[in-house]
Amino acid sequence: MRIRAFQGLVPVPALAPEVACVPYDVVNAAEAAALAAGRPRSLLHVDRAEIDLPPDTNPYSDAVYAKARENFLALQRDGTLLRETEPCLYIYQQQMGAHTQRGLVAVCHVEDYDAELIKKHEKTRKDKEDDRTRLIGALGANTGPVFLTYRDELAVTALVNAKTRETPLHDFTAPDGIRHTAWRIPGGAEWVAAFGRVPVSYIADGHHRAASAARVARDRRAANPAHTGAEDYNWFLCVLFPASELKILPYNRIVSDLNCHTPENFLAKVKATFGLEENAAPSPDAVGRVSMFIGGKWFGLRCPVDAKADPVARLDVSVLQDRLLAPLLGIDDPRTSKRVDFVGGIRGPDELVRRVNAEGGVAFSMFPTTVAQLMAIADAGQIMPPKSTWFEPKLRSGLFTHTF
């Protein structure tokens, strides 16, 4: 697959901690406003420009996209974001506790996305895709990178190891304790050649950003009779991480009630299908195991899997859904049911205990979906069940911006 260096915008190093922000879609408007309060340089003023408009503003109105463009241009005029003097690649390293992951920042071609060389595992929602398409088009820029992963390529890893021994462009620790470090790679021809040996990549996070970038490219292509395919609108911003360095956290489940079962009856039915180990650990230690919290106790479940099943059906979240949540608890569609809630693994099993003790019901602590499982599903052209993966740490927006 193709990557390319780009002559984009980067924050002045001293201002990088003020500009960098969480992805637009991990916070609601109120949370975005709180994070951006007192931080006029935060890219949230671009990615979530409704926070700078009256509270009753429709977040999909023309005024929001106009305000986003106004704020984006202001960050360039006041010198917060500076244009690079030549095309560059970057290494973006994130450190969360003992975990470190290092990705290559580049632009990827929308034709590779359309040709499934950049593989998907998730369906997009039209409203979210429409929103990002309008924003990218209004700005003429990709402000938030798509999070990609690929099977490790030794030549790329060797280049990363050498580069990260040099002095970085950015190096700061965000308020949440995650350290962000970046190195500039002018030109990057050697890197482009090395990455050319990577046959495919996989979207880990950012399906809506990727789909929207492709839509903008098609719109620009249709409006340009002199289109060649080399124009900047054909490329979109990505960070590509080797699979071995990624950290996937579980996406846990809470069901608000027992669907008219008594606790005793429910436990008996669960035991018949999954077995039941009392006083289990709050976090399961292997694929095929789930920890369940009910009535003040943790129970261990084993997920029976048909060896002939497809990659989606073999996932723990699928087995739990198909053999427990649907038949016992009546959760027929986890995408729409109001009785099931999903809790990112970053909050830990203590959050499940707190919620069940306060609200009742039952909680399920999952073992994380693996990168290998994600890749197998994407290779098979299948779609992951909802809320199957929680990637952490999240990529910050604003450290690198691709414009066209």
Protein backbone atom coordinates (compact mmCIF):
# COMPACT_ATOMS: atom_id res chain seq x y z
CA MET A 1 0.00 0.00 0.00
CA ARG A 2 1.01 3.60 -0.55
CA ILE A 3 2.00 6.24 1.95
CA ARG A 4 3.39 9.71 1.32
CA ALA A 5 5.00 12.59 3.17
CA PHE A 6 2.93 15.77 3.35
CA GLN A 7 3.60 19.47 3.84
CA GLY A 8 1.10 20.05 6.59
CA LEU A 9 0.52 22.17 9.67
CA VAL A 10 2.09 21.51 13.07
CA PRO A 11 1.80 23.51 16.29
CA VAL A 12 4.67 25.57 17.61
CA PRO A 13 6.42 23.07 19.92
CA ALA A 14 5.83 25.17 23.03
CA LEU A 15 2.10 25.28 22.25
CA ALA A 16 1.62 21.62 21.33
CA PRO A 17 0.15 20.68 24.76
CA GLU A 18 -2.44 23.46 24.40
CA VAL A 19 -3.42 22.51 20.84
CA ALA A 20 -3.57 18.73 21.21
CA CYS A 21 -7.00 17.37 22.08
CA VAL A 22 -8.84 14.08 22.39
CA PRO A 23 -10.67 12.77 19.30
CA TYR A 24 -13.92 14.58 18.60
CA ASP A 25 -16.02 11.45 19.02
CA VAL A 26 -14.97 10.36 22.50
CA VAL A 27 -16.62 13.35 24.19
CA ASN A 28 -20.04 14.96 23.97
CA ALA A 29 -20.52 18.69 23.52
CA ALA A 30 -20.57 19.44 27.25
CA GLU A 31 -17.40 17.43 27.84
CA ALA A 32 -15.69 19.07 24.86
CA ALA A 33 -16.62 22.52 26.17
CA ALA A 34 -15.23 21.68 29.60
CA LEU A 35 -11.95 20.39 28.15
CA ALA A 36 -11.57 23.49 25.96
CA ALA A 37 -12.48 26.00 28.66
CA GLY A 38 -9.61 28.43 29.15
CA ARG A 39 -7.74 26.81 26.24
CA PRO A 40 -8.42 28.97 23.17
CA ARG A 41 -5.78 27.09 21.15
CA SER A 42 -7.33 23.66 21.67
CA LEU A 43 -8.27 22.01 18.39
CA LEU A 44 -11.62 21.16 19.95
CA HIS A 45 -12.62 24.67 18.87
CA VAL A 46 -12.25 23.33 15.31
CA ASP A 47 -13.34 19.71 15.64
CA ARG A 48 -16.31 20.57 17.89
CA ALA A 49 -16.95 24.20 16.95
CA GLU A 50 -20.49 24.08 18.35
CA ILE A 51 -18.90 24.70 21.77
CA ASP A 52 -18.28 28.30 20.67
CA LEU A 53 -21.90 28.88 19.62
CA PRO A 54 -25.14 29.25 21.65
CA PRO A 55 -26.07 26.07 23.55
CA ASP A 56 -29.19 25.47 21.44
CA THR A 57 -27.23 25.45 18.16
CA ASN A 58 -27.83 22.42 15.95
CA PRO A 59 -24.40 20.69 15.85
CA TYR A 60 -24.96 19.91 12.15
CA SER A 61 -25.95 23.43 11.11
CA ASP A 62 -24.07 25.56 8.58
CA ALA A 63 -23.02 27.87 11.40
CA VAL A 64 -20.97 25.13 13.06
CA TYR A 65 -18.90 24.37 9.98
CA ALA A 66 -18.40 28.06 9.28
CA LYS A 67 -17.24 28.57 12.86
CA ALA A 68 -14.87 25.60 12.57
CA ARG A 69 -13.26 27.14 9.49
CA GLU A 70 -13.03 30.54 11.19
CA ASN A 71 -11.31 29.02 14.22
CA PHE A 72 -9.00 26.91 12.06
CA LEU A 73 -7.83 29.93 10.05
CA ALA A 74 -7.36 31.93 13.26
CA LEU A 75 -4.94 29.30 14.62
CA GLN A 76 -2.90 29.73 11.45
CA ARG A 77 -3.01 33.54 11.44
CA ASP A 78 -1.88 33.87 15.05
CA GLY A 79 1.06 31.52 14.49
CA THR A 80 -0.20 28.65 16.64
CA LEU A 81 -0.16 26.28 13.64
CA LEU A 82 2.75 26.64 11.24
CA ARG A 83 3.17 25.28 7.74
CA GLU A 84 6.09 22.90 7.29
CA THR A 85 8.72 24.09 4.79
CA GLU A 86 8.82 20.70 3.04
CA PRO A 87 6.89 17.41 2.98
CA CYS A 88 7.48 15.36 6.12
CA LEU A 89 6.59 12.12 7.83
CA TYR A 90 6.55 11.83 11.63
CA ILE A 91 6.89 9.23 14.36
CA TYR A 92 4.19 9.59 17.00
CA GLN A 93 4.89 7.78 20.27
CA GLN A 94 2.41 7.42 23.11
CA GLN A 95 3.26 6.14 26.57
CA MET A 96 0.54 5.11 29.01
CA GLY A 97 2.01 3.63 32.17
CA ALA A 98 4.31 0.80 31.14
CA HIS A 99 2.83 0.58 27.63
CA THR A 100 4.47 2.38 24.68
CA GLN A 101 3.29 2.40 21.07
CA ARG A 102 4.97 4.10 18.10
CA GLY A 103 3.18 4.95 14.88
CA LEU A 104 4.24 6.42 11.55
CA VAL A 105 2.31 9.58 10.65
CA ALA A 106 1.72 9.80 6.91
CA VAL A 107 -1.04 10.30 4.38
CA CYS A 108 -2.66 7.29 2.70
CA HIS A 109 -4.44 7.22 -0.65
CA VAL A 110 -8.23 6.98 -0.82
CA GLU A 111 -7.93 4.52 -3.71
CA ASP A 112 -6.24 2.08 -1.31
CA TYR A 113 -9.20 2.59 1.03
CA ASP A 114 -11.69 1.96 -1.77
CA ALA A 115 -9.72 -1.08 -2.97
CA GLU A 116 -9.77 -2.66 0.53
CA LEU A 117 -6.01 -2.37 0.97
CA ILE A 118 -7.03 -0.37 4.02
CA LYS A 119 -9.41 -2.86 5.59
CA LYS A 120 -12.51 -2.10 7.63
CA HIS A 121 -14.27 -4.03 10.38
CA GLU A 122 -17.04 -1.60 11.30
CA LYS A 123 -20.10 -0.07 9.66
CA THR A 124 -20.39 3.71 9.70
CA ARG A 125 -23.42 5.73 10.74
CA LYS A 126 -24.73 8.10 8.10
CA ASP A 127 -25.18 11.07 10.45
CA LYS A 128 -21.62 10.81 11.79
CA GLU A 129 -20.16 10.27 8.33
CA ASP A 130 -22.10 13.23 6.92
CA ASP A 131 -20.83 15.43 9.76
CA ARG A 132 -17.15 14.64 9.21
CA THR A 133 -17.54 14.90 5.44
CA ARG A 134 -18.89 18.43 5.82
CA LEU A 135 -16.16 19.38 8.29
CA ILE A 136 -13.30 18.03 6.19
CA GLY A 137 -14.74 19.75 3.14
CA ALA A 138 -15.23 23.06 4.94
CA LEU A 139 -11.70 23.06 6.31
CA GLY A 140 -9.94 21.55 3.31
CA ALA A 141 -8.06 19.54 5.90
CA ASN A 142 -7.86 16.33 7.92
CA THR A 143 -7.44 17.45 11.53
CA GLY A 144 -7.96 14.05 13.16
CA PRO A 145 -5.85 11.09 12.02
CA VAL A 146 -7.22 7.64 11.21
CA PHE A 147 -5.70 4.99 13.51
CA LEU A 148 -4.34 2.14 11.35
CA THR A 149 -2.44 -1.02 12.22
CA TYR A 150 -0.41 -3.45 10.13
CA ARG A 151 1.50 -6.68 10.54
CA ASP A 152 5.00 -5.80 11.69
CA GLU A 153 7.54 -5.02 8.96
CA LEU A 154 11.13 -5.37 10.20
CA ALA A 155 12.53 -2.66 7.92
CA VAL A 156 10.03 -0.10 9.23
CA THR A 157 10.67 -1.11 12.84
CA ALA A 158 14.42 -0.66 12.35
CA LEU A 159 13.89 2.85 11.01
CA VAL A 160 11.62 3.71 13.95
CA ASN A 161 14.14 2.39 16.47
CA ALA A 162 16.89 4.59 14.99
CA LYS A 163 14.72 7.71 14.69
CA THR A 164 13.39 7.63 18.24
CA ARG A 165 16.94 7.94 19.57
CA GLU A 166 17.06 11.48 18.17
CA THR A 167 15.77 14.74 19.69
CA PRO A 168 11.97 14.97 19.31
CA LEU A 169 9.85 17.75 17.85
CA HIS A 170 7.18 17.45 20.57
CA ASP A 171 7.39 15.84 24.01
CA PHE A 172 4.77 16.50 26.67
CA THR A 173 2.54 14.72 29.16
CA ALA A 174 -1.18 15.44 28.91
CA PRO A 175 -3.37 16.01 31.99
CA ASP A 176 -4.52 12.37 31.85
CA GLY A 177 -0.92 11.22 32.35
CA ILE A 178 -0.31 10.00 28.81
CA ARG A 179 3.00 11.12 27.33
CA HIS A 180 3.05 12.20 23.68
CA THR A 181 6.33 12.43 21.74
CA ALA A 182 6.84 13.16 18.05
CA TRP A 183 9.83 13.16 15.70
CA ARG A 184 9.93 14.94 12.32
CA ILE A 185 11.18 13.02 9.25
CA PRO A 186 11.84 15.42 6.34
CA GLY A 187 11.27 13.83 2.94
CA GLY A 188 11.05 10.26 4.17
CA ALA A 189 11.76 8.49 0.86
CA GLU A 190 13.47 5.59 2.63
CA TRP A 191 10.44 5.19 4.88
CA VAL A 192 8.01 5.23 1.97
CA ALA A 193 10.02 2.51 0.26
CA ALA A 194 10.16 0.38 3.42
CA PHE A 195 6.44 0.72 3.99
CA GLY A 196 5.78 -0.25 0.40
CA ARG A 197 6.46 -3.84 1.48
CA VAL A 198 3.39 -3.73 3.75
CA PRO A 199 0.57 -5.27 1.67
CA VAL A 200 -2.45 -4.09 3.68
CA SER A 201 -3.38 -2.14 6.78
CA TYR A 202 -6.41 -2.25 9.06
CA ILE A 203 -8.52 0.50 10.57
CA ALA A 204 -8.26 0.16 14.32
CA ASP A 205 -10.18 3.36 15.06
CA GLY A 206 -11.52 6.11 12.82
CA HIS A 207 -13.87 4.42 10.36
CA HIS A 208 -15.96 7.58 10.03
CA ARG A 209 -12.92 9.78 9.42
CA ALA A 210 -11.67 7.42 6.69
CA ALA A 211 -15.07 7.09 5.00
CA SER A 212 -15.55 10.86 5.10
CA ALA A 213 -12.12 11.55 3.63
CA ALA A 214 -12.93 9.19 0.76
CA ARG A 215 -16.26 10.96 0.16
CA VAL A 216 -14.58 14.35 0.06
CA ALA A 217 -12.04 13.02 -2.43
CA ARG A 218 -14.83 11.73 -4.69
CA ASP A 219 -16.62 15.08 -4.52
CA ARG A 220 -13.44 17.00 -5.36
CA ARG A 221 -12.62 14.56 -8.14
CA ALA A 222 -16.05 15.00 -9.71
CA ALA A 223 -15.68 18.79 -9.56
CA ASN A 224 -12.19 18.80 -11.12
CA PRO A 225 -12.10 18.07 -14.87
CA ALA A 226 -8.28 18.07 -14.73
CA HIS A 227 -8.14 15.44 -11.95
CA THR A 228 -4.99 13.27 -12.05
CA GLY A 229 -5.10 11.34 -8.75
CA ALA A 230 -2.03 13.11 -7.38
CA GLU A 231 -3.96 15.99 -5.81
CA ASP A 232 -3.74 16.36 -2.03
CA TYR A 233 -7.47 15.73 -1.65
CA ASN A 234 -6.81 12.12 -2.69
CA TRP A 235 -4.77 11.54 0.48
CA PHE A 236 -5.87 11.47 4.12
CA LEU A 237 -4.09 11.66 7.46
CA CYS A 238 -3.21 8.38 9.21
CA VAL A 239 -1.04 7.03 12.00
CA LEU A 240 0.14 3.47 11.27
CA PHE A 241 1.09 1.28 14.23
CA PRO A 242 2.67 -2.18 14.11
CA ALA A 243 0.28 -4.77 15.51
CA SER A 244 2.75 -5.95 18.15
CA GLU A 245 2.71 -2.55 19.89
CA LEU A 246 -1.06 -2.01 20.13
CA LYS A 247 -3.00 -2.21 23.34
CA ILE A 248 -6.66 -3.20 23.12
CA LEU A 249 -8.76 -2.96 26.25
CA PRO A 250 -12.02 -4.84 26.76
CA TYR A 251 -15.45 -3.37 26.16
CA ASN A 252 -17.51 -4.58 29.11
CA ARG A 253 -21.30 -5.00 29.34
CA ILE A 254 -23.92 -4.12 31.94
CA VAL A 255 -27.56 -5.25 31.67
CA SER A 256 -29.95 -3.28 33.84
CA ASP A 257 -32.19 -6.20 34.89
CA LEU A 258 -32.48 -9.99 34.74
CA ASN A 259 -35.40 -10.06 32.28
CA CYS A 260 -37.84 -11.36 34.93
CA HIS A 261 -35.52 -14.17 36.04
CA THR A 262 -34.84 -14.61 39.75
CA PRO A 263 -31.11 -14.50 40.54
CA GLU A 264 -31.18 -18.22 41.38
CA ASN A 265 -32.95 -19.18 38.15
CA PHE A 266 -30.64 -16.95 36.09
CA LEU A 267 -27.49 -18.45 37.62
CA ALA A 268 -28.79 -21.98 37.02
CA LYS A 269 -29.41 -21.25 33.34
CA VAL A 270 -26.00 -19.60 32.92
CA LYS A 271 -24.32 -22.58 34.56
CA ALA A 272 -25.98 -24.99 32.13
CA THR A 273 -24.38 -23.25 29.15
CA PHE A 274 -21.17 -21.68 30.42
CA GLY A 275 -20.29 -23.44 33.64
CA LEU A 276 -19.94 -21.30 36.73
CA GLU A 277 -16.81 -20.74 38.81
CA GLU A 278 -17.45 -18.92 42.07
CA ASN A 279 -15.12 -16.21 43.43
CA ALA A 280 -13.59 -15.64 39.99
CA ALA A 281 -11.12 -12.84 39.25
CA PRO A 282 -12.84 -9.59 38.18
CA SER A 283 -10.86 -9.57 34.91
CA PRO A 284 -10.66 -12.78 32.84
CA ASP A 285 -7.16 -13.92 31.93
CA ALA A 286 -7.66 -15.51 28.51
CA VAL A 287 -9.75 -15.58 25.35
CA GLY A 288 -12.82 -17.74 25.93
CA ARG A 289 -13.43 -16.57 29.47
CA VAL A 290 -15.81 -13.98 30.91
CA SER A 291 -16.19 -12.73 34.47
CA MET A 292 -19.76 -12.01 35.59
CA PHE A 293 -20.75 -9.82 38.56
CA ILE A 294 -24.14 -10.35 40.17
CA GLY A 295 -25.42 -10.29 43.74
CA GLY A 296 -22.14 -8.97 45.14
CA LYS A 297 -20.05 -11.84 43.72
CA TRP A 298 -17.84 -12.53 40.71
CA PHE A 299 -18.40 -15.72 38.71
CA GLY A 300 -16.20 -17.16 35.96
CA LEU A 301 -17.78 -18.29 32.67
CA ARG A 302 -16.23 -20.28 29.83
CA CYS A 303 -17.42 -19.42 26.32
CA PRO A 304 -17.98 -22.58 24.24
CA VAL A 305 -16.89 -22.04 20.63
CA ASP A 306 -17.61 -24.08 17.53
CA ALA A 307 -14.25 -24.67 15.84
CA LYS A 308 -15.98 -24.35 12.45
CA ALA A 309 -17.52 -20.99 13.27
CA ASP A 310 -16.51 -17.87 11.35
CA PRO A 311 -14.18 -15.26 12.92
CA VAL A 312 -17.04 -13.10 14.19
CA ALA A 313 -18.95 -15.97 15.77
CA ARG A 314 -15.81 -17.07 17.64
CA LEU A 315 -15.45 -13.74 19.48
CA ASP A 316 -16.26 -13.83 23.19
CA VAL A 317 -18.61 -10.88 22.75
CA SER A 318 -20.48 -12.83 20.05
CA VAL A 319 -20.76 -15.99 22.16
CA LEU A 320 -22.00 -13.93 25.11
CA GLN A 321 -24.53 -12.12 22.94
CA ASP A 322 -25.80 -15.21 21.09
CA ARG A 323 -25.95 -17.61 24.05
CA LEU A 324 -26.73 -15.40 27.04
CA LEU A 325 -27.67 -11.79 26.37
CA ALA A 326 -30.23 -12.59 23.67
CA PRO A 327 -31.84 -15.84 24.89
CA LEU A 328 -31.72 -15.20 28.65
CA LEU A 329 -31.76 -11.43 29.02
CA GLY A 330 -33.73 -10.47 25.91
CA ILE A 331 -31.05 -8.20 24.40
CA ASP A 332 -31.92 -8.96 20.78
CA ASP A 333 -30.12 -5.98 19.25
CA PRO A 334 -27.28 -4.54 21.35
CA ARG A 335 -27.07 -1.55 18.99
CA THR A 336 -30.53 -0.32 19.92
CA SER A 337 -31.45 -1.89 23.27
CA LYS A 338 -31.74 0.60 26.12
CA ARG A 339 -31.24 -2.16 28.71
CA VAL A 340 -27.60 -2.84 27.89
CA ASP A 341 -24.75 -0.40 28.45
CA PHE A 342 -21.13 -0.66 27.35
CA VAL A 343 -18.26 0.36 29.61
CA GLY A 344 -14.77 0.93 28.22
CA GLY A 345 -12.10 -1.17 29.84
CA ILE A 346 -10.10 1.91 30.80
CA ARG A 347 -12.55 2.24 33.73
CA GLY A 348 -11.73 -1.21 35.05
CA PRO A 349 -13.99 -3.80 36.71
CA ASP A 350 -14.52 -1.58 39.75
CA GLU A 351 -16.87 0.54 37.64
CA LEU A 352 -18.95 -2.57 36.92
CA VAL A 353 -19.20 -3.35 40.63
CA ARG A 354 -20.19 0.23 41.43
CA ARG A 355 -22.89 0.31 38.77
CA VAL A 356 -24.45 -3.06 39.61
CA ASN A 357 -24.38 -2.36 43.35
CA ALA A 358 -26.09 0.99 42.75
CA GLU A 359 -28.49 0.09 39.95
CA GLY A 360 -28.95 -3.69 40.04
CA GLY A 361 -28.73 -6.06 37.10
CA VAL A 362 -25.64 -7.96 36.01
CA ALA A 363 -22.26 -7.05 34.52
CA PHE A 364 -19.84 -8.90 32.28
CA SER A 365 -16.10 -8.26 32.33
CA MET A 366 -14.59 -9.33 29.00
CA PHE A 367 -11.12 -10.40 27.90
CA PRO A 368 -9.93 -7.95 25.21
CA THR A 369 -10.46 -8.79 21.57
CA THR A 370 -7.00 -9.41 20.08
CA VAL A 371 -5.44 -7.64 17.11
CA ALA A 372 -5.20 -11.02 15.38
CA GLN A 373 -8.98 -11.48 15.77
CA LEU A 374 -9.62 -7.98 14.39
CA MET A 375 -7.43 -8.69 11.36
CA ALA A 376 -9.05 -12.08 10.73
CA ILE A 377 -12.50 -10.48 10.69
CA ALA A 378 -11.39 -7.68 8.35
CA ASP A 379 -9.62 -10.21 6.07
CA ALA A 380 -12.87 -12.17 5.86
CA GLY A 381 -14.77 -9.01 4.90
CA GLN A 382 -16.90 -9.26 8.02
CA ILE A 383 -18.08 -6.66 10.53
CA MET A 384 -17.22 -6.67 14.23
CA PRO A 385 -20.11 -6.71 16.70
CA PRO A 386 -20.77 -3.31 18.30
CA LYS A 387 -18.45 -2.25 21.11
CA SER A 388 -15.93 -5.05 20.62
CA THR A 389 -12.70 -3.08 21.03
CA TRP A 390 -11.48 -0.15 23.10
CA PHE A 391 -8.13 1.21 21.94
CA GLU A 392 -6.11 3.11 24.49
CA PRO A 393 -4.34 5.49 24.49
CA LYS A 394 -6.33 7.60 22.05
CA LEU A 395 -4.58 9.57 19.32
CA ARG A 396 -4.51 13.31 19.93
CA SER A 397 -5.79 15.62 17.21
CA GLY A 398 -3.95 18.81 16.31
CA LEU A 399 -0.34 17.61 16.44
CA PHE A 400 -0.33 17.02 12.67
CA THR A 401 -2.79 18.42 10.12
CA HIS A 402 -2.99 17.53 6.43
CA THR A 403 -4.46 20.23 4.19
CA PHE A 404 -5.57 20.22 0.56
